[in-house]
Amino acid sequence: MTKKDIVLKISEDAQIKQIDVKRVVQMTLDLIVSALSHGETVELRNFGVFKVKSRRSRIGRNPKTGQTVPIPERKVVSFKVGMVMKKKVK
């Protein structure tokens, strides 16, 4: 399912113009990204929690040459599924 599919489904079900739904969906996604970029946690009750975690630096290996390569520390976004979603997906 794509963002466009979500917009179309909400638009049909709620009888709201697609352009308005698209704007709200995009604003929601932008707010989530903005909060995560500032190191905040985003919790959507019964859906899940988005959190920024740090991956520590490590030594990797180039698969072509076999040479060891240092991989720097970086931040990644993790998602933990909420209970309601976990039950429905089972």
PDB file of N, CA and C in Angstrom:
ATOM      1  N   MET A   1       0.856  -1.173   0.000  1.00  0.00           N
ATOM      2  CA  MET A   1       0.000   0.000   0.000  1.00  0.00           C
ATOM      3  C   MET A   1       0.899   1.233   0.000  1.00  0.00           C
ATOM      4  N   THR A   2       0.592   2.169  -0.874  1.00  0.00           N
ATOM      5  CA  THR A   2       1.371   3.396  -0.972  1.00  0.00           C
ATOM      6  C   THR A   2       0.643   4.556  -0.289  1.00  0.00           C
ATOM      7  N   LYS A   3       1.347   5.676  -0.192  1.00  0.00           N
ATOM      8  CA  LYS A   3       0.722   6.872   0.390  1.00  0.00           C
ATOM      9  C   LYS A   3      -0.500   7.272  -0.431  1.00  0.00           C
ATOM     10  N   LYS A   4      -0.406   7.137  -1.748  1.00  0.00           N
ATOM     11  CA  LYS A   4      -1.532   7.480  -2.621  1.00  0.00           C
ATOM     12  C   LYS A   4      -2.736   6.582  -2.332  1.00  0.00           C
ATOM     13  N   ASP A   5      -2.503   5.293  -2.109  1.00  0.00           N
ATOM     14  CA  ASP A   5      -3.584   4.369  -1.771  1.00  0.00           C
ATOM     15  C   ASP A   5      -4.256   4.764  -0.461  1.00  0.00           C
ATOM     16  N   ILE A   6      -3.445   5.162   0.509  1.00  0.00           N
ATOM     17  CA  ILE A   6      -3.985   5.600   1.805  1.00  0.00           C
ATOM     18  C   ILE A   6      -4.853   6.833   1.626  1.00  0.00           C
ATOM     19  N   VAL A   7      -4.367   7.792   0.852  1.00  0.00           N
ATOM     20  CA  VAL A   7      -5.124   9.028   0.604  1.00  0.00           C
ATOM     21  C   VAL A   7      -6.442   8.710  -0.088  1.00  0.00           C
ATOM     22  N   LEU A   8      -6.414   7.865  -1.092  1.00  0.00           N
ATOM     23  CA  LEU A   8      -7.639   7.507  -1.819  1.00  0.00           C
ATOM     24  C   LEU A   8      -8.651   6.826  -0.904  1.00  0.00           C
ATOM     25  N   LYS A   9      -8.189   5.892  -0.073  1.00  0.00           N
ATOM     26  CA  LYS A   9      -9.088   5.166   0.821  1.00  0.00           C
ATOM     27  C   LYS A   9      -9.723   6.096   1.849  1.00  0.00           C
ATOM     28  N   ILE A  10      -8.910   6.971   2.466  1.00  0.00           N
ATOM     29  CA  ILE A  10      -9.464   7.916   3.446  1.00  0.00           C
ATOM     30  C   ILE A  10     -10.429   8.875   2.773  1.00  0.00           C
ATOM     31  N   SER A  11     -10.076   9.339   1.600  1.00  0.00           N
ATOM     32  CA  SER A  11     -10.927  10.272   0.852  1.00  0.00           C
ATOM     33  C   SER A  11     -12.291   9.659   0.557  1.00  0.00           C
ATOM     34  N   GLU A  12     -12.291   8.406   0.126  1.00  0.00           N
ATOM     35  CA  GLU A  12     -13.563   7.729  -0.178  1.00  0.00           C
ATOM     36  C   GLU A  12     -14.383   7.487   1.083  1.00  0.00           C
ATOM     37  N   ASP A  13     -13.732   6.971   2.121  1.00  0.00           N
ATOM     38  CA  ASP A  13     -14.448   6.618   3.349  1.00  0.00           C
ATOM     39  C   ASP A  13     -14.974   7.827   4.102  1.00  0.00           C
ATOM     40  N   ALA A  14     -14.217   8.919   4.111  1.00  0.00           N
ATOM     41  CA  ALA A  14     -14.605  10.097   4.900  1.00  0.00           C
ATOM     42  C   ALA A  14     -15.313  11.166   4.066  1.00  0.00           C
ATOM     43  N   GLN A  15     -15.420  10.934   2.761  1.00  0.00           N
ATOM     44  CA  GLN A  15     -16.064  11.905   1.878  1.00  0.00           C
ATOM     45  C   GLN A  15     -15.373  13.272   1.952  1.00  0.00           C
ATOM     46  N   ILE A  16     -14.040  13.264   1.890  1.00  0.00           N
ATOM     47  CA  ILE A  16     -13.233  14.480   1.920  1.00  0.00           C
ATOM     48  C   ILE A  16     -12.425  14.528   0.632  1.00  0.00           C
ATOM     49  N   LYS A  17     -12.176  15.740   0.142  1.00  0.00           N
ATOM     50  CA  LYS A  17     -11.401  15.892  -1.087  1.00  0.00           C
ATOM     51  C   LYS A  17     -10.012  15.272  -0.925  1.00  0.00           C
ATOM     52  N   GLN A  18      -9.542  14.637  -2.006  1.00  0.00           N
ATOM     53  CA  GLN A  18      -8.232  13.986  -1.983  1.00  0.00           C
ATOM     54  C   GLN A  18      -7.113  14.969  -1.650  1.00  0.00           C
ATOM     55  N   ILE A  19      -7.194  16.165  -2.182  1.00  0.00           N
ATOM     56  CA  ILE A  19      -6.132  17.162  -1.961  1.00  0.00           C
ATOM     57  C   ILE A  19      -6.016  17.512  -0.479  1.00  0.00           C
ATOM     58  N   ASP A  20      -7.163  17.583   0.210  1.00  0.00           N
ATOM     59  CA  ASP A  20      -7.154  17.898   1.644  1.00  0.00           C
ATOM     60  C   ASP A  20      -6.580  16.732   2.452  1.00  0.00           C
ATOM     61  N   VAL A  21      -6.977  15.525   2.088  1.00  0.00           N
ATOM     62  CA  VAL A  21      -6.468  14.341   2.776  1.00  0.00           C
ATOM     63  C   VAL A  21      -4.965  14.218   2.545  1.00  0.00           C
ATOM     64  N   LYS A  22      -4.529  14.438   1.306  1.00  0.00           N
ATOM     65  CA  LYS A  22      -3.108  14.342   0.977  1.00  0.00           C
ATOM     66  C   LYS A  22      -2.299  15.335   1.808  1.00  0.00           C
ATOM     67  N   ARG A  23      -2.813  16.547   1.960  1.00  0.00           N
ATOM     68  CA  ARG A  23      -2.126  17.573   2.735  1.00  0.00           C
ATOM     69  C   ARG A  23      -1.991  17.150   4.197  1.00  0.00           C
ATOM     70  N   VAL A  24      -3.047  16.600   4.773  1.00  0.00           N
ATOM     71  CA  VAL A  24      -3.020  16.183   6.177  1.00  0.00           C
ATOM     72  C   VAL A  24      -2.064  14.993   6.375  1.00  0.00           C
ATOM     73  N   VAL A  25      -2.128  14.030   5.462  1.00  0.00           N
ATOM     74  CA  VAL A  25      -1.235  12.870   5.566  1.00  0.00           C
ATOM     75  C   VAL A  25       0.212  13.323   5.456  1.00  0.00           C
ATOM     76  N   GLN A  26       0.512  14.203   4.504  1.00  0.00           N
ATOM     77  CA  GLN A  26       1.890  14.670   4.334  1.00  0.00           C
ATOM     78  C   GLN A  26       2.358  15.475   5.538  1.00  0.00           C
ATOM     79  N   MET A  27       1.481  16.306   6.096  1.00  0.00           N
ATOM     80  CA  MET A  27       1.846  17.076   7.281  1.00  0.00           C
ATOM     81  C   MET A  27       2.134  16.148   8.460  1.00  0.00           C
ATOM     82  N   THR A  28       1.354  15.081   8.596  1.00  0.00           N
ATOM     83  CA  THR A  28       1.567  14.109   9.663  1.00  0.00           C
ATOM     84  C   THR A  28       2.930  13.451   9.519  1.00  0.00           C
ATOM     85  N   LEU A  29       3.246  13.006   8.313  1.00  0.00           N
ATOM     86  CA  LEU A  29       4.539  12.365   8.067  1.00  0.00           C
ATOM     87  C   LEU A  29       5.688  13.347   8.286  1.00  0.00           C
ATOM     88  N   ASP A  30       5.514  14.591   7.854  1.00  0.00           N
ATOM     89  CA  ASP A  30       6.548  15.613   8.057  1.00  0.00           C
ATOM     90  C   ASP A  30       6.795  15.869   9.540  1.00  0.00           C
ATOM     91  N   LEU A  31       5.724  15.896  10.333  1.00  0.00           N
ATOM     92  CA  LEU A  31       5.873  16.106  11.779  1.00  0.00           C
ATOM     93  C   LEU A  31       6.612  14.941  12.433  1.00  0.00           C
ATOM     94  N   ILE A  32       6.326  13.716  12.000  1.00  0.00           N
ATOM     95  CA  ILE A  32       7.020  12.550  12.544  1.00  0.00           C
ATOM     96  C   ILE A  32       8.502  12.633  12.215  1.00  0.00           C
ATOM     97  N   VAL A  33       8.833  12.938  10.960  1.00  0.00           N
ATOM     98  CA  VAL A  33      10.233  13.042  10.548  1.00  0.00           C
ATOM     99  C   VAL A  33      10.940  14.164  11.305  1.00  0.00           C
ATOM    100  N   SER A  34      10.271  15.288  11.463  1.00  0.00           N
ATOM    101  CA  SER A  34      10.860  16.421  12.172  1.00  0.00           C
ATOM    102  C   SER A  34      11.157  16.064  13.627  1.00  0.00           C
ATOM    103  N   ALA A  35      10.200  15.418  14.284  1.00  0.00           N
ATOM    104  CA  ALA A  35      10.407  15.028  15.682  1.00  0.00           C
ATOM    105  C   ALA A  35      11.565  14.045  15.807  1.00  0.00           C
ATOM    106  N   LEU A  36      11.637  13.080  14.907  1.00  0.00           N
ATOM    107  CA  LEU A  36      12.721  12.097  14.955  1.00  0.00           C
ATOM    108  C   LEU A  36      14.073  12.745  14.680  1.00  0.00           C
ATOM    109  N   SER A  37      14.096  13.719  13.782  1.00  0.00           N
ATOM    110  CA  SER A  37      15.362  14.382  13.468  1.00  0.00           C
ATOM    111  C   SER A  37      15.872  15.219  14.641  1.00  0.00           C
ATOM    112  N   HIS A  38      14.967  15.588  15.549  1.00  0.00           N
ATOM    113  CA  HIS A  38      15.361  16.317  16.759  1.00  0.00           C
ATOM    114  C   HIS A  38      15.592  15.371  17.928  1.00  0.00           C
ATOM    115  N   GLY A  39      15.599  14.068  17.671  1.00  0.00           N
ATOM    116  CA  GLY A  39      15.886  13.089  18.713  1.00  0.00           C
ATOM    117  C   GLY A  39      14.704  12.728  19.592  1.00  0.00           C
ATOM    118  N   GLU A  40      13.518  13.161  19.220  1.00  0.00           N
ATOM    119  CA  GLU A  40      12.330  12.868  20.013  1.00  0.00           C
ATOM    120  C   GLU A  40      11.781  11.481  19.666  1.00  0.00           C
ATOM    121  N   THR A  41      11.001  10.924  20.579  1.00  0.00           N
ATOM    122  CA  THR A  41      10.304   9.658  20.346  1.00  0.00           C
ATOM    123  C   THR A  41       8.882   9.988  19.939  1.00  0.00           C
ATOM    124  N   VAL A  42       8.360   9.269  18.950  1.00  0.00           N
ATOM    125  CA  VAL A  42       6.986   9.478  18.491  1.00  0.00           C
ATOM    126  C   VAL A  42       6.178   8.237  18.849  1.00  0.00           C
ATOM    127  N   GLU A  43       5.195   8.421  19.723  1.00  0.00           N
ATOM    128  CA  GLU A  43       4.364   7.301  20.163  1.00  0.00           C
ATOM    129  C   GLU A  43       2.950   7.488  19.652  1.00  0.00           C
ATOM    130  N   LEU A  44       2.491   6.543  18.862  1.00  0.00           N
ATOM    131  CA  LEU A  44       1.121   6.535  18.365  1.00  0.00           C
ATOM    132  C   LEU A  44       0.409   5.388  19.081  1.00  0.00           C
ATOM    133  N   ARG A  45      -0.419   5.720  20.043  1.00  0.00           N
ATOM    134  CA  ARG A  45      -1.063   4.716  20.893  1.00  0.00           C
ATOM    135  C   ARG A  45      -1.714   3.619  20.054  1.00  0.00           C
ATOM    136  N   ASN A  46      -1.539   2.404  20.483  1.00  0.00           N
ATOM    137  CA  ASN A  46      -2.080   1.201  19.852  1.00  0.00           C
ATOM    138  C   ASN A  46      -1.524   0.931  18.453  1.00  0.00           C
ATOM    139  N   PHE A  47      -0.640   1.775  17.966  1.00  0.00           N
ATOM    140  CA  PHE A  47      -0.018   1.564  16.655  1.00  0.00           C
ATOM    141  C   PHE A  47       1.440   1.168  16.837  1.00  0.00           C
ATOM    142  N   GLY A  48       2.209   2.053  17.488  1.00  0.00           N
ATOM    143  CA  GLY A  48       3.603   1.738  17.724  1.00  0.00           C
ATOM    144  C   GLY A  48       4.404   2.954  18.128  1.00  0.00           C
ATOM    145  N   VAL A  49       5.700   2.750  18.313  1.00  0.00           N
ATOM    146  CA  VAL A  49       6.598   3.808  18.767  1.00  0.00           C
ATOM    147  C   VAL A  49       7.786   3.896  17.811  1.00  0.00           C
ATOM    148  N   PHE A  50       8.033   5.099  17.305  1.00  0.00           N
ATOM    149  CA  PHE A  50       9.217   5.382  16.496  1.00  0.00           C
ATOM    150  C   PHE A  50      10.261   5.997  17.421  1.00  0.00           C
ATOM    151  N   LYS A  51      11.499   5.498  17.329  1.00  0.00           N
ATOM    152  CA  LYS A  51      12.551   5.977  18.212  1.00  0.00           C
ATOM    153  C   LYS A  51      13.865   6.030  17.437  1.00  0.00           C
ATOM    154  N   VAL A  52      14.706   7.006  17.758  1.00  0.00           N
ATOM    155  CA  VAL A  52      16.029   7.104  17.151  1.00  0.00           C
ATOM    156  C   VAL A  52      17.028   6.413  18.080  1.00  0.00           C
ATOM    157  N   LYS A  53      17.800   5.496  17.507  1.00  0.00           N
ATOM    158  CA  LYS A  53      18.825   4.790  18.276  1.00  0.00           C
ATOM    159  C   LYS A  53      20.173   5.021  17.609  1.00  0.00           C
ATOM    160  N   SER A  54      21.229   4.895  18.399  1.00  0.00           N
ATOM    161  CA  SER A  54      22.582   5.015  17.856  1.00  0.00           C
ATOM    162  C   SER A  54      23.177   3.635  17.650  1.00  0.00           C
ATOM    163  N   ARG A  55      23.747   3.439  16.492  1.00  0.00           N
ATOM    164  CA  ARG A  55      24.513   2.217  16.233  1.00  0.00           C
ATOM    165  C   ARG A  55      25.971   2.569  16.457  1.00  0.00           C
ATOM    166  N   ARG A  56      26.651   1.788  17.263  1.00  0.00           N
ATOM    167  CA  ARG A  56      28.036   2.107  17.561  1.00  0.00           C
ATOM    168  C   ARG A  56      28.929   1.792  16.360  1.00  0.00           C
ATOM    169  N   SER A  57      30.086   2.390  16.359  1.00  0.00           N
ATOM    170  CA  SER A  57      31.027   2.156  15.259  1.00  0.00           C
ATOM    171  C   SER A  57      31.559   0.730  15.344  1.00  0.00           C
ATOM    172  N   ARG A  58      31.956   0.203  14.185  1.00  0.00           N
ATOM    173  CA  ARG A  58      32.455  -1.167  14.144  1.00  0.00           C
ATOM    174  C   ARG A  58      33.371  -1.335  12.943  1.00  0.00           C
ATOM    175  N   ILE A  59      33.966  -2.483  12.856  1.00  0.00           N
ATOM    176  CA  ILE A  59      34.833  -2.797  11.724  1.00  0.00           C
ATOM    177  C   ILE A  59      34.068  -3.730  10.790  1.00  0.00           C
ATOM    178  N   GLY A  60      33.974  -3.333   9.513  1.00  0.00           N
ATOM    179  CA  GLY A  60      33.316  -4.151   8.503  1.00  0.00           C
ATOM    180  C   GLY A  60      34.332  -4.698   7.525  1.00  0.00           C
ATOM    181  N   ARG A  61      33.846  -5.397   6.529  1.00  0.00           N
ATOM    182  CA  ARG A  61      34.739  -5.979   5.533  1.00  0.00           C
ATOM    183  C   ARG A  61      34.146  -5.756   4.143  1.00  0.00           C
ATOM    184  N   ASN A  62      34.990  -5.268   3.235  1.00  0.00           N
ATOM    185  CA  ASN A  62      34.592  -5.100   1.843  1.00  0.00           C
ATOM    186  C   ASN A  62      34.490  -6.491   1.223  1.00  0.00           C
ATOM    187  N   PRO A  63      33.296  -6.893   0.733  1.00  0.00           N
ATOM    188  CA  PRO A  63      33.144  -8.255   0.237  1.00  0.00           C
ATOM    189  C   PRO A  63      33.961  -8.554  -1.028  1.00  0.00           C
ATOM    190  N   LYS A  64      34.264  -7.537  -1.829  1.00  0.00           N
ATOM    191  CA  LYS A  64      35.040  -7.761  -3.049  1.00  0.00           C
ATOM    192  C   LYS A  64      36.519  -7.967  -2.755  1.00  0.00           C
ATOM    193  N   THR A  65      37.064  -7.086  -1.928  1.00  0.00           N
ATOM    194  CA  THR A  65      38.508  -7.121  -1.687  1.00  0.00           C
ATOM    195  C   THR A  65      38.887  -7.849  -0.408  1.00  0.00           C
ATOM    196  N   GLY A  66      37.948  -7.982   0.512  1.00  0.00           N
ATOM    197  CA  GLY A  66      38.257  -8.607   1.791  1.00  0.00           C
ATOM    198  C   GLY A  66      38.936  -7.663   2.762  1.00  0.00           C
ATOM    199  N   GLN A  67      39.140  -6.419   2.338  1.00  0.00           N
ATOM    200  CA  GLN A  67      39.808  -5.415   3.165  1.00  0.00           C
ATOM    201  C   GLN A  67      38.882  -4.973   4.294  1.00  0.00           C
ATOM    202  N   THR A  68      39.435  -4.767   5.495  1.00  0.00           N
ATOM    203  CA  THR A  68      38.631  -4.272   6.610  1.00  0.00           C
ATOM    204  C   THR A  68      38.408  -2.772   6.444  1.00  0.00           C
ATOM    205  N   VAL A  69      37.184  -2.368   6.805  1.00  0.00           N
ATOM    206  CA  VAL A  69      36.782  -0.968   6.642  1.00  0.00           C
ATOM    207  C   VAL A  69      36.118  -0.512   7.934  1.00  0.00           C
ATOM    208  N   PRO A  70      36.529   0.643   8.460  1.00  0.00           N
ATOM    209  CA  PRO A  70      35.849   1.146   9.665  1.00  0.00           C
ATOM    210  C   PRO A  70      34.473   1.711   9.291  1.00  0.00           C
ATOM    211  N   ILE A  71      33.442   1.323  10.035  1.00  0.00           N
ATOM    212  CA  ILE A  71      32.087   1.836   9.826  1.00  0.00           C
ATOM    213  C   ILE A  71      31.801   2.776  10.990  1.00  0.00           C
ATOM    214  N   PRO A  72      31.551   4.062  10.715  1.00  0.00           N
ATOM    215  CA  PRO A  72      31.350   5.026  11.796  1.00  0.00           C
ATOM    216  C   PRO A  72      30.007   4.834  12.512  1.00  0.00           C
ATOM    217  N   GLU A  73      29.920   5.423  13.694  1.00  0.00           N
ATOM    218  CA  GLU A  73      28.669   5.420  14.445  1.00  0.00           C
ATOM    219  C   GLU A  73      27.619   6.180  13.647  1.00  0.00           C
ATOM    220  N   ARG A  74      26.363   5.732  13.737  1.00  0.00           N
ATOM    221  CA  ARG A  74      25.289   6.447  13.036  1.00  0.00           C
ATOM    222  C   ARG A  74      23.973   6.257  13.768  1.00  0.00           C
ATOM    223  N   LYS A  75      23.039   7.099  13.441  1.00  0.00           N
ATOM    224  CA  LYS A  75      21.721   7.030  14.054  1.00  0.00           C
ATOM    225  C   LYS A  75      20.758   6.352  13.083  1.00  0.00           C
ATOM    226  N   VAL A  76      19.882   5.505  13.637  1.00  0.00           N
ATOM    227  CA  VAL A  76      18.880   4.812  12.838  1.00  0.00           C
ATOM    228  C   VAL A  76      17.528   4.935  13.528  1.00  0.00           C
ATOM    229  N   VAL A  77      16.476   4.850  12.742  1.00  0.00           N
ATOM    230  CA  VAL A  77      15.114   4.905  13.280  1.00  0.00           C
ATOM    231  C   VAL A  77      14.647   3.475  13.507  1.00  0.00           C
ATOM    232  N   SER A  78      14.108   3.218  14.692  1.00  0.00           N
ATOM    233  CA  SER A  78      13.544   1.902  14.975  1.00  0.00           C
ATOM    234  C   SER A  78      12.049   2.069  15.231  1.00  0.00           C
ATOM    235  N   PHE A  79      11.317   0.999  15.014  1.00  0.00           N
ATOM    236  CA  PHE A  79       9.864   1.008  15.223  1.00  0.00           C
ATOM    237  C   PHE A  79       9.486  -0.203  16.043  1.00  0.00           C
ATOM    238  N   LYS A  80       8.769   0.040  17.122  1.00  0.00           N
ATOM    239  CA  LYS A  80       8.269  -1.047  17.958  1.00  0.00           C
ATOM    240  C   LYS A  80       6.755  -1.087  17.809  1.00  0.00           C
ATOM    241  N   VAL A  81       6.238  -2.227  17.423  1.00  0.00           N
ATOM    242  CA  VAL A  81       4.816  -2.396  17.137  1.00  0.00           C
ATOM    243  C   VAL A  81       4.000  -2.309  18.423  1.00  0.00           C
ATOM    244  N   GLY A  82       2.840  -1.637  18.331  1.00  0.00           N
ATOM    245  CA  GLY A  82       1.922  -1.548  19.459  1.00  0.00           C
ATOM    246  C   GLY A  82       1.114  -2.822  19.621  1.00  0.00           C
ATOM    247  N   MET A  83       0.493  -2.993  20.785  1.00  0.00           N
ATOM    248  CA  MET A  83      -0.237  -4.218  21.088  1.00  0.00           C
ATOM    249  C   MET A  83      -1.419  -4.472  20.154  1.00  0.00           C
ATOM    250  N   VAL A  84      -2.188  -3.432  19.840  1.00  0.00           N
ATOM    251  CA  VAL A  84      -3.373  -3.618  18.986  1.00  0.00           C
ATOM    252  C   VAL A  84      -2.953  -4.086  17.598  1.00  0.00           C
ATOM    253  N   MET A  85      -1.926  -3.456  17.030  1.00  0.00           N
ATOM    254  CA  MET A  85      -1.464  -3.863  15.711  1.00  0.00           C
ATOM    255  C   MET A  85      -0.903  -5.273  15.759  1.00  0.00           C
ATOM    256  N   LYS A  86      -0.151  -5.587  16.809  1.00  0.00           N
ATOM    257  CA  LYS A  86       0.454  -6.913  16.945  1.00  0.00           C
ATOM    258  C   LYS A  86      -0.639  -7.990  16.943  1.00  0.00           C
ATOM    259  N   LYS A  87      -1.720  -7.734  17.661  1.00  0.00           N
ATOM    260  CA  LYS A  87      -2.822  -8.711  17.726  1.00  0.00           C
ATOM    261  C   LYS A  87      -3.544  -8.851  16.392  1.00  0.00           C
ATOM    262  N   LYS A  88      -3.747  -7.722  15.693  1.00  0.00           N
ATOM    263  CA  LYS A  88      -4.471  -7.772  14.418  1.00  0.00           C
ATOM    264  C   LYS A  88      -3.651  -8.401  13.304  1.00  0.00           C
ATOM    265  N   VAL A  89      -2.337  -8.227  13.340  1.00  0.00           N
ATOM    266  CA  VAL A  89      -1.486  -8.781  12.291  1.00  0.00           C
ATOM    267  C   VAL A  89      -1.303 -10.283  12.476  1.00  0.00           C
ATOM    268  N   LYS A  90      -1.344 -10.752  13.715  1.00  0.00           N
ATOM    269  CA  LYS A  90      -1.219 -12.198  13.982  1.00  0.00           C
ATOM    270  C   LYS A  90      -2.278 -12.896  13.223  1.00  0.00           C
TER     271      LYS A  90
END
